[in-house]
Amino acid sequence: MPQSNAVLDKHQSEAKRPKMAEEKDELLTVREVARRLRVDDTTVRRWIKSGALEAIALPHRAKRQAYRIKRSTLESLLGGALPEA
C-alpha cells in the first residue's frame, strides 16, 4: 500500500500548510458582507456601485448583478471608517 501512504502523506502536508493567504483571498457574497456589517444588502450594493467598496462582478445571469468581495477588502474597510449608508 505504498501508493495510499503517499496520498495520505500529501493530504497531511497540505493540512499543515498555513492558510493565511487563502483566507485573505476568500470571496464573500454581498449578503455575507451585509450581515457582518449589519447593514442591508442594498447598502452594500450601493457602496459597490459608488466605488466605496471594491468588488468583483460575476457574469450576469440573474435579475441582479452578482458580486464577490475579497475578505481582505472587507478587513481593510473595517480598519477604517465605513462608507455612508
C-alpha atoms as a PDB file:
ATOM      1  CA  MET A   1       0.000   0.000   0.000  1.00  0.00           C
ATOM      2  CA  PRO A   2       2.822   2.478  -0.657  1.00  0.00           C
ATOM      3  CA  GLN A   3       0.588   4.453  -3.010  1.00  0.00           C
ATOM      4  CA  SER A   4      -2.077   5.038  -0.354  1.00  0.00           C
ATOM      5  CA  ASN A   5       0.634   6.150   2.090  1.00  0.00           C
ATOM      6  CA  ALA A   6       1.864   8.693  -0.456  1.00  0.00           C
ATOM      7  CA  VAL A   7      -1.657  10.059  -0.875  1.00  0.00           C
ATOM      8  CA  LEU A   8      -2.114  10.247   2.897  1.00  0.00           C
ATOM      9  CA  ASP A   9       1.254  11.997   3.314  1.00  0.00           C
ATOM     10  CA  LYS A  10       0.292  14.539   0.651  1.00  0.00           C
ATOM     11  CA  HIS A  11      -3.003  15.372   2.380  1.00  0.00           C
ATOM     12  CA  GLN A  12      -1.322  15.647   5.768  1.00  0.00           C
ATOM     13  CA  SER A  13       1.327  18.022   4.439  1.00  0.00           C
ATOM     14  CA  GLU A  14      -1.364  20.163   2.777  1.00  0.00           C
ATOM     15  CA  ALA A  15      -3.291  20.286   6.048  1.00  0.00           C
ATOM     16  CA  LYS A  16      -0.203  21.591   7.864  1.00  0.00           C
ATOM     17  CA  ARG A  17       0.368  24.410   5.370  1.00  0.00           C
ATOM     18  CA  PRO A  18      -0.597  27.866   6.625  1.00  0.00           C
ATOM     19  CA  LYS A  19      -3.849  29.039   5.110  1.00  0.00           C
ATOM     20  CA  MET A  20      -3.457  32.761   5.786  1.00  0.00           C
ATOM     21  CA  ALA A  21      -3.127  33.672   2.111  1.00  0.00           C
ATOM     22  CA  GLU A  22      -6.105  31.515   1.195  1.00  0.00           C
ATOM     23  CA  GLU A  23      -8.241  33.100   3.909  1.00  0.00           C
ATOM     24  CA  LYS A  24      -7.272  36.627   2.834  1.00  0.00           C
ATOM     25  CA  ASP A  25      -8.358  35.858  -0.724  1.00  0.00           C
ATOM     26  CA  GLU A  26     -11.628  34.229   0.304  1.00  0.00           C
ATOM     27  CA  LEU A  27     -14.518  35.718  -1.642  1.00  0.00           C
ATOM     28  CA  LEU A  28     -17.619  36.803   0.243  1.00  0.00           C
ATOM     29  CA  THR A  29     -21.101  37.381  -1.137  1.00  0.00           C
ATOM     30  CA  VAL A  30     -22.958  40.673  -0.839  1.00  0.00           C
ATOM     31  CA  ARG A  31     -25.205  39.079   1.779  1.00  0.00           C
ATOM     32  CA  GLU A  32     -22.249  37.828   3.849  1.00  0.00           C
ATOM     33  CA  VAL A  33     -20.678  41.291   3.847  1.00  0.00           C
ATOM     34  CA  ALA A  34     -24.010  42.906   4.714  1.00  0.00           C
ATOM     35  CA  ARG A  35     -24.529  40.571   7.663  1.00  0.00           C
ATOM     36  CA  ARG A  36     -21.029  41.165   9.003  1.00  0.00           C
ATOM     37  CA  LEU A  37     -21.506  44.932   8.771  1.00  0.00           C
ATOM     38  CA  ARG A  38     -25.119  44.748   9.988  1.00  0.00           C
ATOM     39  CA  VAL A  39     -26.474  46.644   7.009  1.00  0.00           C
ATOM     40  CA  ASP A  40     -28.908  45.786   4.239  1.00  0.00           C
ATOM     41  CA  ASP A  41     -27.758  44.066   1.028  1.00  0.00           C
ATOM     42  CA  THR A  42     -28.867  47.175  -0.870  1.00  0.00           C
ATOM     43  CA  THR A  43     -26.425  49.289   1.125  1.00  0.00           C
ATOM     44  CA  VAL A  44     -23.518  47.013   0.183  1.00  0.00           C
ATOM     45  CA  ARG A  45     -24.590  47.140  -3.480  1.00  0.00           C
ATOM     46  CA  ARG A  46     -24.760  50.934  -3.298  1.00  0.00           C
ATOM     47  CA  TRP A  47     -21.218  51.055  -1.878  1.00  0.00           C
ATOM     48  CA  ILE A  48     -20.021  48.813  -4.715  1.00  0.00           C
ATOM     49  CA  LYS A  49     -21.702  50.913  -7.411  1.00  0.00           C
ATOM     50  CA  SER A  50     -20.334  54.157  -5.932  1.00  0.00           C
ATOM     51  CA  GLY A  51     -16.807  52.739  -5.792  1.00  0.00           C
ATOM     52  CA  ALA A  52     -16.609  52.892  -1.987  1.00  0.00           C
ATOM     53  CA  LEU A  53     -16.286  49.092  -1.808  1.00  0.00           C
ATOM     54  CA  GLU A  54     -14.167  47.164  -4.282  1.00  0.00           C
ATOM     55  CA  ALA A  55     -15.873  44.047  -5.637  1.00  0.00           C
ATOM     56  CA  ILE A  56     -15.607  41.505  -8.415  1.00  0.00           C
ATOM     57  CA  ALA A  57     -18.582  41.445 -10.782  1.00  0.00           C
ATOM     58  CA  LEU A  58     -19.593  37.932 -11.779  1.00  0.00           C
ATOM     59  CA  PRO A  59     -21.122  37.097 -15.154  1.00  0.00           C
ATOM     60  CA  HIS A  60     -24.651  38.478 -15.198  1.00  0.00           C
ATOM     61  CA  ARG A  61     -27.163  35.597 -15.213  1.00  0.00           C
ATOM     62  CA  ALA A  62     -29.917  36.738 -12.902  1.00  0.00           C
ATOM     63  CA  LYS A  63     -32.049  39.822 -12.416  1.00  0.00           C
ATOM     64  CA  ARG A  64     -29.381  41.343 -10.185  1.00  0.00           C
ATOM     65  CA  GLN A  65     -25.680  41.642 -10.841  1.00  0.00           C
ATOM     66  CA  ALA A  66     -23.774  39.239  -8.590  1.00  0.00           C
ATOM     67  CA  TYR A  67     -20.634  40.427  -6.824  1.00  0.00           C
ATOM     68  CA  ARG A  68     -17.933  38.930  -4.643  1.00  0.00           C
ATOM     69  CA  ILE A  69     -15.862  40.881  -2.162  1.00  0.00           C
ATOM     70  CA  LYS A  70     -12.416  39.776  -1.025  1.00  0.00           C
ATOM     71  CA  ARG A  71     -12.138  39.159   2.695  1.00  0.00           C
ATOM     72  CA  SER A  72      -9.012  41.354   2.732  1.00  0.00           C
ATOM     73  CA  THR A  73     -11.034  44.221   1.219  1.00  0.00           C
ATOM     74  CA  LEU A  74     -13.649  43.876   3.944  1.00  0.00           C
ATOM     75  CA  GLU A  75     -10.960  43.750   6.636  1.00  0.00           C
ATOM     76  CA  SER A  76      -9.334  46.934   5.328  1.00  0.00           C
ATOM     77  CA  LEU A  77     -12.757  48.591   5.232  1.00  0.00           C
ATOM     78  CA  LEU A  78     -13.331  47.598   8.853  1.00  0.00           C
ATOM     79  CA  GLY A  79      -9.946  49.057   9.754  1.00  0.00           C
ATOM     80  CA  GLY A  80     -11.083  52.471   8.553  1.00  0.00           C
ATOM     81  CA  ALA A  81     -14.330  54.353   8.504  1.00  0.00           C
ATOM     82  CA  LEU A  82     -17.341  52.716   6.921  1.00  0.00           C
ATOM     83  CA  PRO A  83     -18.828  54.429   3.852  1.00  0.00           C
ATOM     84  CA  GLU A  84     -22.055  56.352   4.362  1.00  0.00           C
ATOM     85  CA  ALA A  85     -25.075  54.051   4.231  1.00  0.00           C
END
